[in-house]
């Protein structure tokens, strides 16, 4: 099997992205102060609404990574679902952070800004790469 151009990088992005999502939620539920930008019931309620959506994004990323490695036709679907989920989560999170001044709340606020930037950039990278390689990805095996 011949891997597409930059396929190893995309696989790395997919698996690393899923691992970071898992690590973040482990930190959130085990040692919240390590990642929480602020305290209070509104912020905690907002963040507690994300695990299911982030889990879906992680699942799409893992499916895409495995699909690229194995040449699955469904890889394109996983990539586009992941890019869509990433974009939705990015915009929802950024809007909340802007409305509540989260990025200016110390070190963890900067961590939140970093998460937003990485989410946005990786979403664009995955979406663009999958669009450029859509013909090859559609020609993969089932």
Protein backbone atom coordinates (compact mmCIF):
# COMPACT_ATOMS: atom_id res chain seq x y z
CA UNK A 1 0.00 0.00 0.00
CA UNK A 2 1.28 3.44 -0.95
CA UNK A 3 0.64 6.17 1.59
CA UNK A 4 -0.55 9.53 0.32
CA UNK A 5 1.69 12.60 0.52
CA UNK A 6 2.11 13.69 4.15
CA UNK A 7 0.01 10.73 5.30
CA UNK A 8 2.34 9.91 8.19
CA UNK A 9 2.07 13.50 9.42
CA UNK A 10 -1.72 13.39 9.22
CA UNK A 11 -1.80 10.06 11.08
CA UNK A 12 0.42 11.60 13.77
CA UNK A 13 -1.86 14.64 14.01
CA UNK A 14 -4.92 12.39 14.35
CA UNK A 15 -3.51 10.14 17.05
CA UNK A 16 -1.78 12.95 18.92
CA UNK A 17 -4.97 15.03 18.83
CA UNK A 18 -6.99 12.16 20.28
CA UNK A 19 -4.36 11.58 22.98
CA UNK A 20 -4.34 15.27 23.97
CA UNK A 21 -8.14 15.27 24.23
CA UNK A 22 -7.98 12.22 26.50
CA UNK A 23 -5.20 13.76 28.61
CA UNK A 24 -7.12 17.02 29.01
CA UNK A 25 -10.24 15.26 30.27
CA UNK A 26 -8.26 13.06 32.61
CA UNK A 27 -6.70 16.22 34.05
CA UNK A 28 -10.10 17.94 34.23
CA UNK A 29 -11.72 15.15 36.20
CA UNK A 30 -8.70 14.22 38.34
CA UNK A 31 -6.99 17.57 39.02
CA UNK A 32 -9.23 20.32 37.65
CA UNK A 33 -7.05 23.20 38.88
CA UNK A 34 -4.28 22.08 36.52
CA UNK A 35 -6.37 23.03 33.47
CA UNK A 36 -9.26 25.23 34.65
CA UNK A 37 -8.84 28.84 33.53
CA UNK A 38 -11.19 30.09 36.24
CA UNK A 39 -13.62 28.80 38.85
CA UNK A 40 -17.33 29.08 39.30
CA UNK A 41 -20.45 27.19 38.36
CA UNK A 42 -20.96 28.87 34.96
CA UNK A 43 -17.44 28.02 33.76
CA UNK A 44 -17.57 24.50 35.19
CA UNK A 45 -20.99 23.94 33.63
CA UNK A 46 -19.69 25.13 30.26
CA UNK A 47 -16.62 22.88 30.37
CA UNK A 48 -18.65 19.91 31.62
CA UNK A 49 -20.74 20.15 28.44
CA UNK A 50 -17.72 19.26 26.27
CA UNK A 51 -16.71 15.64 27.05
CA UNK A 52 -19.24 14.00 24.71
CA UNK A 53 -18.39 16.31 21.81
CA UNK A 54 -14.65 16.00 22.44
CA UNK A 55 -15.09 12.23 22.67
CA UNK A 56 -16.78 12.27 19.26
CA UNK A 57 -13.90 14.34 17.86
CA UNK A 58 -11.36 11.91 19.33
CA UNK A 59 -13.23 8.94 17.87
CA UNK A 60 -13.26 10.60 14.43
CA UNK A 61 -9.52 11.31 14.71
CA UNK A 62 -8.71 7.71 15.66
CA UNK A 63 -10.92 6.41 12.84
CA UNK A 64 -9.21 8.76 10.38
CA UNK A 65 -5.73 7.79 11.55
CA UNK A 66 -6.42 4.08 11.29
CA UNK A 67 -8.20 4.62 7.99
CA UNK A 68 -5.23 6.42 6.45
CA UNK A 69 -2.91 3.63 7.56
CA UNK A 70 -5.19 0.85 6.28
CA UNK A 71 -6.49 2.60 3.18
CA UNK A 72 -10.17 2.59 4.19
CA UNK A 73 -12.62 4.38 1.91
CA UNK A 74 -14.38 5.62 5.05
CA UNK A 75 -11.25 7.63 5.94
CA UNK A 76 -12.56 10.67 4.08
CA UNK A 77 -15.78 10.54 6.09
CA UNK A 78 -13.84 10.31 9.38
CA UNK A 79 -11.61 13.23 8.34
CA UNK A 80 -14.54 15.45 7.38
CA UNK A 81 -16.57 14.55 10.46
CA UNK A 82 -13.49 15.31 12.59
CA UNK A 83 -12.86 18.61 10.82
CA UNK A 84 -16.51 19.60 11.25
CA UNK A 85 -16.49 18.65 14.93
CA UNK A 86 -13.21 20.51 15.43
CA UNK A 87 -14.55 23.66 13.77
CA UNK A 88 -17.76 23.59 15.80
CA UNK A 89 -15.91 23.09 19.08
CA UNK A 90 -13.37 25.76 18.15
CA UNK A 91 -15.98 28.43 17.48
CA UNK A 92 -18.10 27.54 20.50
CA UNK A 93 -15.09 27.60 22.83
CA UNK A 94 -13.59 30.80 21.37
CA UNK A 95 -16.89 32.67 21.64
CA UNK A 96 -17.29 31.69 25.29
CA UNK A 97 -13.66 32.59 26.04
CA UNK A 98 -14.00 36.00 24.39
CA UNK A 99 -17.29 36.78 26.14
CA UNK A 100 -15.86 35.87 29.55
CA UNK A 101 -12.28 37.15 29.20
CA UNK A 102 -10.85 33.67 29.76
CA UNK A 103 -7.58 34.21 27.87
CA UNK A 104 -6.56 36.97 30.28
CA UNK A 105 -6.93 34.85 33.42
CA UNK A 106 -3.33 33.87 34.05
CA UNK A 107 -1.40 30.80 32.99
CA UNK A 108 -4.41 28.54 32.57
CA UNK A 109 -6.11 31.23 30.47
CA UNK A 110 -3.08 31.10 28.18
CA UNK A 111 -3.39 27.30 28.10
CA UNK A 112 -7.00 27.79 26.97
CA UNK A 113 -5.83 30.19 24.26
CA UNK A 114 -3.29 27.55 23.16
CA UNK A 115 -6.00 24.89 23.03
CA UNK A 116 -8.14 27.20 20.90
CA UNK A 117 -5.29 27.97 18.50
CA UNK A 118 -4.23 24.34 18.15
CA UNK A 119 -7.83 23.23 17.61
CA UNK A 120 -8.36 25.84 14.89
CA UNK A 121 -5.07 25.20 13.12
CA UNK A 122 -5.36 21.40 13.18
CA UNK A 123 -8.97 21.59 11.99
CA UNK A 124 -7.84 23.62 8.99
CA UNK A 125 -4.92 21.28 8.30
CA UNK A 126 -7.11 18.14 8.44
CA UNK A 127 -9.86 19.72 6.37
CA UNK A 128 -7.47 20.99 3.72
CA UNK A 129 -5.43 17.78 3.52
CA UNK A 130 -8.55 15.65 3.20
CA UNK A 131 -9.94 17.97 0.51
CA UNK A 132 -6.71 17.90 -1.52
CA UNK A 133 -6.54 14.08 -1.29
CA UNK A 134 -10.27 13.34 -1.54
CA UNK A 135 -10.00 11.58 -4.92
CA UNK A 136 -7.26 9.24 -3.68
CA UNK A 137 -9.09 8.64 -0.41
CA UNK A 138 -12.31 7.73 -2.25
CA UNK A 139 -10.40 5.18 -4.31
CA UNK A 140 -9.29 3.29 -1.19
CA UNK A 141 -10.65 -0.11 -0.21
CA UNK A 142 -13.87 -0.38 1.86
